[in-house]
Amino acid sequence: GDLLPADGVLIQGNDLKIDESALTGESDHVRKAADKDPMLLSGTHVMEGSGKMVVTAVGVNSQSGIIFTLLGAGGDEEEEEKKEKKGG
């Protein structure tokens, strides 16, 4: 399946099923439709079907970008604490 590079809202879809396990941990494929559950998130994979979406967020503003930023921020704080302990 194709990797979605950005967050968006589905505006047209044809039997679209998404693998959201990278973000949610849920192994079942999620059926998406413009009138029901239209949110598509970056970092997820298209497993079946096709569709068109309006992009709402990219990069660090997307859901996966926010997660990576938060994980990276925690790592930076730990590195700073280690440096302070070694220097002090």
PDB file of N, CA and C in Angstrom:
ATOM      1  N   GLY A   1       0.789  -1.191   0.000  1.00  0.00           N
ATOM      2  CA  GLY A   1       0.000   0.000   0.000  1.00  0.00           C
ATOM      3  C   GLY A   1       0.842   1.269   0.000  1.00  0.00           C
ATOM      4  N   ASP A   2       0.267   2.286  -0.583  1.00  0.00           N
ATOM      5  CA  ASP A   2       0.920   3.598  -0.631  1.00  0.00           C
ATOM      6  C   ASP A   2       0.911   4.250   0.736  1.00  0.00           C
ATOM      7  N   LEU A   3       2.004   4.903   1.076  1.00  0.00           N
ATOM      8  CA  LEU A   3       2.130   5.632   2.329  1.00  0.00           C
ATOM      9  C   LEU A   3       1.545   7.030   2.153  1.00  0.00           C
ATOM     10  N   LEU A   4       0.680   7.452   3.073  1.00  0.00           N
ATOM     11  CA  LEU A   4       0.131   8.807   3.015  1.00  0.00           C
ATOM     12  C   LEU A   4       1.154   9.776   3.601  1.00  0.00           C
ATOM     13  N   PRO A   5       1.575  10.769   2.821  1.00  0.00           N
ATOM     14  CA  PRO A   5       2.618  11.686   3.285  1.00  0.00           C
ATOM     15  C   PRO A   5       2.093  12.872   4.081  1.00  0.00           C
ATOM     16  N   ALA A   6       0.774  13.042   4.168  1.00  0.00           N
ATOM     17  CA  ALA A   6       0.187  14.211   4.830  1.00  0.00           C
ATOM     18  C   ALA A   6      -1.156  13.843   5.443  1.00  0.00           C
ATOM     19  N   ASP A   7      -1.610  14.659   6.402  1.00  0.00           N
ATOM     20  CA  ASP A   7      -2.959  14.515   6.950  1.00  0.00           C
ATOM     21  C   ASP A   7      -3.934  15.162   5.979  1.00  0.00           C
ATOM     22  N   GLY A   8      -5.171  14.669   5.954  1.00  0.00           N
ATOM     23  CA  GLY A   8      -6.157  15.284   5.080  1.00  0.00           C
ATOM     24  C   GLY A   8      -7.555  14.769   5.325  1.00  0.00           C
ATOM     25  N   VAL A   9      -8.484  15.339   4.559  1.00  0.00           N
ATOM     26  CA  VAL A   9      -9.891  14.956   4.621  1.00  0.00           C
ATOM     27  C   VAL A   9     -10.262  14.337   3.279  1.00  0.00           C
ATOM     28  N   LEU A  10     -10.807  13.139   3.326  1.00  0.00           N
ATOM     29  CA  LEU A  10     -11.228  12.435   2.116  1.00  0.00           C
ATOM     30  C   LEU A  10     -12.415  13.152   1.492  1.00  0.00           C
ATOM     31  N   ILE A  11     -12.313  13.491   0.222  1.00  0.00           N
ATOM     32  CA  ILE A  11     -13.433  14.140  -0.462  1.00  0.00           C
ATOM     33  C   ILE A  11     -14.082  13.222  -1.485  1.00  0.00           C
ATOM     34  N   GLN A  12     -13.341  12.189  -1.921  1.00  0.00           N
ATOM     35  CA  GLN A  12     -13.886  11.213  -2.859  1.00  0.00           C
ATOM     36  C   GLN A  12     -13.142   9.911  -2.668  1.00  0.00           C
ATOM     37  N   GLY A  13     -13.886   8.814  -2.516  1.00  0.00           N
ATOM     38  CA  GLY A  13     -13.226   7.538  -2.298  1.00  0.00           C
ATOM     39  C   GLY A  13     -13.953   6.393  -2.953  1.00  0.00           C
ATOM     40  N   ASN A  14     -13.200   5.349  -3.260  1.00  0.00           N
ATOM     41  CA  ASN A  14     -13.768   4.161  -3.877  1.00  0.00           C
ATOM     42  C   ASN A  14     -13.252   2.936  -3.125  1.00  0.00           C
ATOM     43  N   ASP A  15     -14.075   2.382  -2.234  1.00  0.00           N
ATOM     44  CA  ASP A  15     -13.708   1.204  -1.429  1.00  0.00           C
ATOM     45  C   ASP A  15     -12.353   1.371  -0.753  1.00  0.00           C
ATOM     46  N   LEU A  16     -12.154   2.492  -0.086  1.00  0.00           N
ATOM     47  CA  LEU A  16     -10.867   2.826   0.515  1.00  0.00           C
ATOM     48  C   LEU A  16     -10.722   2.165   1.885  1.00  0.00           C
ATOM     49  N   LYS A  17      -9.627   1.409   2.047  1.00  0.00           N
ATOM     50  CA  LYS A  17      -9.304   0.789   3.336  1.00  0.00           C
ATOM     51  C   LYS A  17      -7.883   1.203   3.698  1.00  0.00           C
ATOM     52  N   ILE A  18      -7.724   1.659   4.942  1.00  0.00           N
ATOM     53  CA  ILE A  18      -6.462   2.205   5.420  1.00  0.00           C
ATOM     54  C   ILE A  18      -5.915   1.351   6.561  1.00  0.00           C
ATOM     55  N   ASP A  19      -4.608   1.115   6.551  1.00  0.00           N
ATOM     56  CA  ASP A  19      -3.921   0.447   7.662  1.00  0.00           C
ATOM     57  C   ASP A  19      -3.364   1.544   8.570  1.00  0.00           C
ATOM     58  N   GLU A  20      -4.005   1.747   9.723  1.00  0.00           N
ATOM     59  CA  GLU A  20      -3.598   2.786  10.674  1.00  0.00           C
ATOM     60  C   GLU A  20      -2.754   2.224  11.812  1.00  0.00           C
ATOM     61  N   SER A  21      -2.227   1.020  11.660  1.00  0.00           N
ATOM     62  CA  SER A  21      -1.509   0.373  12.753  1.00  0.00           C
ATOM     63  C   SER A  21      -0.254   1.144  13.178  1.00  0.00           C
ATOM     64  N   ALA A  22       0.337   1.906  12.283  1.00  0.00           N
ATOM     65  CA  ALA A  22       1.529   2.680  12.637  1.00  0.00           C
ATOM     66  C   ALA A  22       1.213   3.737  13.698  1.00  0.00           C
ATOM     67  N   LEU A  23      -0.011   4.257  13.687  1.00  0.00           N
ATOM     68  CA  LEU A  23      -0.389   5.286  14.664  1.00  0.00           C
ATOM     69  C   LEU A  23      -1.205   4.742  15.827  1.00  0.00           C
ATOM     70  N   THR A  24      -2.095   3.791  15.552  1.00  0.00           N
ATOM     71  CA  THR A  24      -3.022   3.332  16.589  1.00  0.00           C
ATOM     72  C   THR A  24      -2.672   1.982  17.186  1.00  0.00           C
ATOM     73  N   GLY A  25      -1.896   1.179  16.457  1.00  0.00           N
ATOM     74  CA  GLY A  25      -1.601  -0.168  16.914  1.00  0.00           C
ATOM     75  C   GLY A  25      -2.677  -1.163  16.534  1.00  0.00           C
ATOM     76  N   GLU A  26      -3.778  -0.695  15.976  1.00  0.00           N
ATOM     77  CA  GLU A  26      -4.888  -1.547  15.570  1.00  0.00           C
ATOM     78  C   GLU A  26      -4.549  -2.230  14.248  1.00  0.00           C
ATOM     79  N   SER A  27      -4.611  -3.560  14.213  1.00  0.00           N
ATOM     80  CA  SER A  27      -4.193  -4.293  13.021  1.00  0.00           C
ATOM     81  C   SER A  27      -5.276  -4.370  11.944  1.00  0.00           C
ATOM     82  N   ASP A  28      -6.543  -4.139  12.298  1.00  0.00           N
ATOM     83  CA  ASP A  28      -7.630  -4.195  11.311  1.00  0.00           C
ATOM     84  C   ASP A  28      -7.565  -2.992  10.390  1.00  0.00           C
ATOM     85  N   HIS A  29      -7.890  -3.224   9.118  1.00  0.00           N
ATOM     86  CA  HIS A  29      -7.943  -2.127   8.162  1.00  0.00           C
ATOM     87  C   HIS A  29      -9.226  -1.328   8.396  1.00  0.00           C
ATOM     88  N   VAL A  30      -9.123  -0.001   8.281  1.00  0.00           N
ATOM     89  CA  VAL A  30     -10.250   0.886   8.561  1.00  0.00           C
ATOM     90  C   VAL A  30     -10.848   1.356   7.242  1.00  0.00           C
ATOM     91  N   ARG A  31     -12.156   1.156   7.093  1.00  0.00           N
ATOM     92  CA  ARG A  31     -12.853   1.615   5.883  1.00  0.00           C
ATOM     93  C   ARG A  31     -13.103   3.115   6.012  1.00  0.00           C
ATOM     94  N   LYS A  32     -12.753   3.860   4.965  1.00  0.00           N
ATOM     95  CA  LYS A  32     -12.932   5.303   4.955  1.00  0.00           C
ATOM     96  C   LYS A  32     -13.909   5.692   3.863  1.00  0.00           C
ATOM     97  N   ALA A  33     -14.741   6.686   4.141  1.00  0.00           N
ATOM     98  CA  ALA A  33     -15.686   7.219   3.158  1.00  0.00           C
ATOM     99  C   ALA A  33     -15.832   8.709   3.417  1.00  0.00           C
ATOM    100  N   ALA A  34     -16.151   9.455   2.383  1.00  0.00           N
ATOM    101  CA  ALA A  34     -16.268  10.907   2.506  1.00  0.00           C
ATOM    102  C   ALA A  34     -17.362  11.305   3.498  1.00  0.00           C
ATOM    103  N   ASP A  35     -18.419  10.508   3.606  1.00  0.00           N
ATOM    104  CA  ASP A  35     -19.525  10.842   4.509  1.00  0.00           C
ATOM    105  C   ASP A  35     -19.404  10.193   5.885  1.00  0.00           C
ATOM    106  N   LYS A  36     -18.452   9.256   6.034  1.00  0.00           N
ATOM    107  CA  LYS A  36     -18.270   8.573   7.324  1.00  0.00           C
ATOM    108  C   LYS A  36     -16.783   8.330   7.554  1.00  0.00           C
ATOM    109  N   ASP A  37     -16.232   8.915   8.624  1.00  0.00           N
ATOM    110  CA  ASP A  37     -14.825   8.771   8.986  1.00  0.00           C
ATOM    111  C   ASP A  37     -13.897   9.204   7.846  1.00  0.00           C
ATOM    112  N   PRO A  38     -13.940  10.491   7.454  1.00  0.00           N
ATOM    113  CA  PRO A  38     -13.155  10.955   6.302  1.00  0.00           C
ATOM    114  C   PRO A  38     -11.705  11.363   6.608  1.00  0.00           C
ATOM    115  N   MET A  39     -11.278  11.319   7.878  1.00  0.00           N
ATOM    116  CA  MET A  39      -9.919  11.777   8.213  1.00  0.00           C
ATOM    117  C   MET A  39      -8.864  10.743   7.812  1.00  0.00           C
ATOM    118  N   LEU A  40      -7.865  11.208   7.068  1.00  0.00           N
ATOM    119  CA  LEU A  40      -6.731  10.377   6.675  1.00  0.00           C
ATOM    120  C   LEU A  40      -5.486  10.960   7.336  1.00  0.00           C
ATOM    121  N   LEU A  41      -4.661  10.107   7.907  1.00  0.00           N
ATOM    122  CA  LEU A  41      -3.511  10.568   8.676  1.00  0.00           C
ATOM    123  C   LEU A  41      -2.200  10.154   8.036  1.00  0.00           C
ATOM    124  N   SER A  42      -1.219  11.034   8.113  1.00  0.00           N
ATOM    125  CA  SER A  42       0.095  10.731   7.558  1.00  0.00           C
ATOM    126  C   SER A  42       0.709   9.554   8.298  1.00  0.00           C
ATOM    127  N   GLY A  43       1.508   8.783   7.583  1.00  0.00           N
ATOM    128  CA  GLY A  43       2.151   7.619   8.179  1.00  0.00           C
ATOM    129  C   GLY A  43       1.320   6.357   8.074  1.00  0.00           C
ATOM    130  N   THR A  44       0.086   6.460   7.577  1.00  0.00           N
ATOM    131  CA  THR A  44      -0.760   5.283   7.394  1.00  0.00           C
ATOM    132  C   THR A  44      -0.644   4.810   5.943  1.00  0.00           C
ATOM    133  N   HIS A  45      -1.089   3.590   5.689  1.00  0.00           N
ATOM    134  CA  HIS A  45      -0.951   2.993   4.358  1.00  0.00           C
ATOM    135  C   HIS A  45      -2.319   2.692   3.748  1.00  0.00           C
ATOM    136  N   VAL A  46      -2.445   2.958   2.451  1.00  0.00           N
ATOM    137  CA  VAL A  46      -3.644   2.583   1.697  1.00  0.00           C
ATOM    138  C   VAL A  46      -3.513   1.108   1.353  1.00  0.00           C
ATOM    139  N   MET A  47      -4.485   0.303   1.781  1.00  0.00           N
ATOM    140  CA  MET A  47      -4.420  -1.130   1.523  1.00  0.00           C
ATOM    141  C   MET A  47      -5.320  -1.542   0.358  1.00  0.00           C
ATOM    142  N   GLU A  48      -6.452  -0.860   0.203  1.00  0.00           N
ATOM    143  CA  GLU A  48      -7.385  -1.165  -0.893  1.00  0.00           C
ATOM    144  C   GLU A  48      -8.043   0.120  -1.338  1.00  0.00           C
ATOM    145  N   GLY A  49      -8.466   0.132  -2.586  1.00  0.00           N
ATOM    146  CA  GLY A  49      -9.252   1.234  -3.103  1.00  0.00           C
ATOM    147  C   GLY A  49      -8.429   2.441  -3.502  1.00  0.00           C
ATOM    148  N   SER A  50      -9.148   3.537  -3.718  1.00  0.00           N
ATOM    149  CA  SER A  50      -8.511   4.785  -4.132  1.00  0.00           C
ATOM    150  C   SER A  50      -9.331   5.950  -3.617  1.00  0.00           C
ATOM    151  N   GLY A  51      -8.751   7.138  -3.685  1.00  0.00           N
ATOM    152  CA  GLY A  51      -9.487   8.306  -3.228  1.00  0.00           C
ATOM    153  C   GLY A  51      -8.727   9.584  -3.474  1.00  0.00           C
ATOM    154  N   LYS A  52      -9.417  10.689  -3.227  1.00  0.00           N
ATOM    155  CA  LYS A  52      -8.824  12.021  -3.299  1.00  0.00           C
ATOM    156  C   LYS A  52      -9.060  12.705  -1.963  1.00  0.00           C
ATOM    157  N   MET A  53      -8.045  13.456  -1.506  1.00  0.00           N
ATOM    158  CA  MET A  53      -8.186  14.143  -0.232  1.00  0.00           C
ATOM    159  C   MET A  53      -7.696  15.578  -0.346  1.00  0.00           C
ATOM    160  N   VAL A  54      -8.201  16.409   0.564  1.00  0.00           N
ATOM    161  CA  VAL A  54      -7.709  17.766   0.718  1.00  0.00           C
ATOM    162  C   VAL A  54      -6.704  17.730   1.856  1.00  0.00           C
ATOM    163  N   VAL A  55      -5.475  18.165   1.584  1.00  0.00           N
ATOM    164  CA  VAL A  55      -4.417  18.126   2.585  1.00  0.00           C
ATOM    165  C   VAL A  55      -4.672  19.200   3.640  1.00  0.00           C
ATOM    166  N   THR A  56      -4.591  18.805   4.914  1.00  0.00           N
ATOM    167  CA  THR A  56      -4.817  19.741   6.020  1.00  0.00           C
ATOM    168  C   THR A  56      -3.555  20.018   6.827  1.00  0.00           C
ATOM    169  N   ALA A  57      -2.572  19.101   6.784  1.00  0.00           N
ATOM    170  CA  ALA A  57      -1.339  19.311   7.552  1.00  0.00           C
ATOM    171  C   ALA A  57      -0.211  18.479   6.956  1.00  0.00           C
ATOM    172  N   VAL A  58       0.990  19.054   6.974  1.00  0.00           N
ATOM    173  CA  VAL A  58       2.175  18.339   6.488  1.00  0.00           C
ATOM    174  C   VAL A  58       3.320  18.506   7.490  1.00  0.00           C
ATOM    175  N   GLY A  59       4.331  17.667   7.357  1.00  0.00           N
ATOM    176  CA  GLY A  59       5.541  17.795   8.171  1.00  0.00           C
ATOM    177  C   GLY A  59       5.278  17.728   9.661  1.00  0.00           C
ATOM    178  N   VAL A  60       5.883  18.655  10.406  1.00  0.00           N
ATOM    179  CA  VAL A  60       5.772  18.632  11.870  1.00  0.00           C
ATOM    180  C   VAL A  60       4.368  18.978  12.356  1.00  0.00           C
ATOM    181  N   ASN A  61       3.511  19.504  11.489  1.00  0.00           N
ATOM    182  CA  ASN A  61       2.133  19.822  11.877  1.00  0.00           C
ATOM    183  C   ASN A  61       1.177  18.642  11.702  1.00  0.00           C
ATOM    184  N   SER A  62       1.624  17.576  11.035  1.00  0.00           N
ATOM    185  CA  SER A  62       0.782  16.396  10.848  1.00  0.00           C
ATOM    186  C   SER A  62       0.791  15.548  12.119  1.00  0.00           C
ATOM    187  N   GLN A  63      -0.105  14.570  12.189  1.00  0.00           N
ATOM    188  CA  GLN A  63      -0.179  13.717  13.377  1.00  0.00           C
ATOM    189  C   GLN A  63       1.125  12.964  13.608  1.00  0.00           C
ATOM    190  N   SER A  64       1.697  12.379  12.563  1.00  0.00           N
ATOM    191  CA  SER A  64       2.952  11.656  12.760  1.00  0.00           C
ATOM    192  C   SER A  64       4.085  12.630  13.078  1.00  0.00           C
ATOM    193  N   GLY A  65       4.053  13.829  12.507  1.00  0.00           N
ATOM    194  CA  GLY A  65       5.065  14.841  12.818  1.00  0.00           C
ATOM    195  C   GLY A  65       5.009  15.276  14.265  1.00  0.00           C
ATOM    196  N   ILE A  66       3.803  15.427  14.790  1.00  0.00           N
ATOM    197  CA  ILE A  66       3.625  15.805  16.195  1.00  0.00           C
ATOM    198  C   ILE A  66       4.177  14.706  17.104  1.00  0.00           C
ATOM    199  N   ILE A  67       3.895  13.454  16.756  1.00  0.00           N
ATOM    200  CA  ILE A  67       4.382  12.332  17.557  1.00  0.00           C
ATOM    201  C   ILE A  67       5.906  12.298  17.543  1.00  0.00           C
ATOM    202  N   PHE A  68       6.505  12.440  16.352  1.00  0.00           N
ATOM    203  CA  PHE A  68       7.970  12.420  16.264  1.00  0.00           C
ATOM    204  C   PHE A  68       8.586  13.589  17.010  1.00  0.00           C
ATOM    205  N   THR A  69       7.944  14.753  16.954  1.00  0.00           N
ATOM    206  CA  THR A  69       8.447  15.923  17.672  1.00  0.00           C
ATOM    207  C   THR A  69       8.424  15.676  19.179  1.00  0.00           C
ATOM    208  N   LEU A  70       7.315  15.118  19.659  1.00  0.00           N
ATOM    209  CA  LEU A  70       7.212  14.832  21.091  1.00  0.00           C
ATOM    210  C   LEU A  70       8.229  13.788  21.523  1.00  0.00           C
ATOM    211  N   LEU A  71       8.429  12.770  20.711  1.00  0.00           N
ATOM    212  CA  LEU A  71       9.430  11.755  21.044  1.00  0.00           C
ATOM    213  C   LEU A  71      10.825  12.347  21.015  1.00  0.00           C
ATOM    214  N   GLY A  72      11.092  13.201  20.051  1.00  0.00           N
ATOM    215  CA  GLY A  72      12.398  13.834  19.945  1.00  0.00           C
ATOM    216  C   GLY A  72      12.652  14.797  21.086  1.00  0.00           C
ATOM    217  N   ALA A  73      11.609  15.514  21.517  1.00  0.00           N
ATOM    218  CA  ALA A  73      11.750  16.464  22.618  1.00  0.00           C
ATOM    219  C   ALA A  73      12.133  15.734  23.894  1.00  0.00           C
ATOM    220  N   GLY A  74      11.544  14.560  24.126  1.00  0.00           N
ATOM    221  CA  GLY A  74      11.880  13.775  25.311  1.00  0.00           C
ATOM    222  C   GLY A  74      13.317  13.312  25.271  1.00  0.00           C
ATOM    223  N   GLY A  75      13.806  12.925  24.086  1.00  0.00           N
ATOM    224  CA  GLY A  75      15.188  12.484  23.939  1.00  0.00           C
ATOM    225  C   GLY A  75      16.164  13.624  24.169  1.00  0.00           C
ATOM    226  N   ASP A  76      15.849  14.842  23.700  1.00  0.00           N
ATOM    227  CA  ASP A  76      16.717  15.999  23.884  1.00  0.00           C
ATOM    228  C   ASP A  76      16.866  16.350  25.358  1.00  0.00           C
ATOM    229  N   GLU A  77      15.768  16.277  26.104  1.00  0.00           N
ATOM    230  CA  GLU A  77      15.810  16.596  27.533  1.00  0.00           C
ATOM    231  C   GLU A  77      16.704  15.606  28.272  1.00  0.00           C
ATOM    232  N   GLU A  78      16.631  14.332  27.898  1.00  0.00           N
ATOM    233  CA  GLU A  78      17.457  13.319  28.539  1.00  0.00           C
ATOM    234  C   GLU A  78      18.930  13.571  28.246  1.00  0.00           C
ATOM    235  N   GLU A  79      19.253  13.947  27.026  1.00  0.00           N
ATOM    236  CA  GLU A  79      20.642  14.238  26.659  1.00  0.00           C
ATOM    237  C   GLU A  79      21.167  15.434  27.443  1.00  0.00           C
ATOM    238  N   GLU A  80      20.330  16.464  27.616  1.00  0.00           N
ATOM    239  CA  GLU A  80      20.741  17.645  28.371  1.00  0.00           C
ATOM    240  C   GLU A  80      21.008  17.288  29.832  1.00  0.00           C
ATOM    241  N   GLU A  81      20.150  16.442  30.408  1.00  0.00           N
ATOM    242  CA  GLU A  81      20.340  16.015  31.798  1.00  0.00           C
ATOM    243  C   GLU A  81      21.641  15.241  31.965  1.00  0.00           C
ATOM    244  N   LYS A  82      21.972  14.386  31.000  1.00  0.00           N
ATOM    245  CA  LYS A  82      23.219  13.611  31.059  1.00  0.00           C
ATOM    246  C   LYS A  82      24.425  14.551  31.004  1.00  0.00           C
ATOM    247  N   LYS A  83      24.369  15.560  30.143  1.00  0.00           N
ATOM    248  CA  LYS A  83      25.469  16.500  30.005  1.00  0.00           C
ATOM    249  C   LYS A  83      25.667  17.297  31.297  1.00  0.00           C
ATOM    250  N   GLU A  84      24.527  17.701  31.919  1.00  0.00           N
ATOM    251  CA  GLU A  84      24.613  18.468  33.172  1.00  0.00           C
ATOM    252  C   GLU A  84      25.232  17.616  34.293  1.00  0.00           C
ATOM    253  N   LYS A  85      24.877  16.336  34.358  1.00  0.00           N
ATOM    254  CA  LYS A  85      25.417  15.452  35.395  1.00  0.00           C
ATOM    255  C   LYS A  85      26.905  15.238  35.211  1.00  0.00           C
ATOM    256  N   LYS A  86      27.343  15.095  33.945  1.00  0.00           N
ATOM    257  CA  LYS A  86      28.762  14.892  33.671  1.00  0.00           C
ATOM    258  C   LYS A  86      29.568  16.153  33.971  1.00  0.00           C
ATOM    259  N   GLY A  87      29.017  17.306  33.650  1.00  0.00           N
ATOM    260  CA  GLY A  87      29.723  18.565  33.849  1.00  0.00           C
ATOM    261  C   GLY A  87      29.704  19.036  35.294  1.00  0.00           C
ATOM    262  N   GLY A  88      28.714  18.636  36.071  1.00  0.00           N
ATOM    263  CA  GLY A  88      28.561  19.151  37.415  1.00  0.00           C
ATOM    264  C   GLY A  88      29.075  18.220  38.427  1.00  0.00           C
TER     265      GLY A  88
END
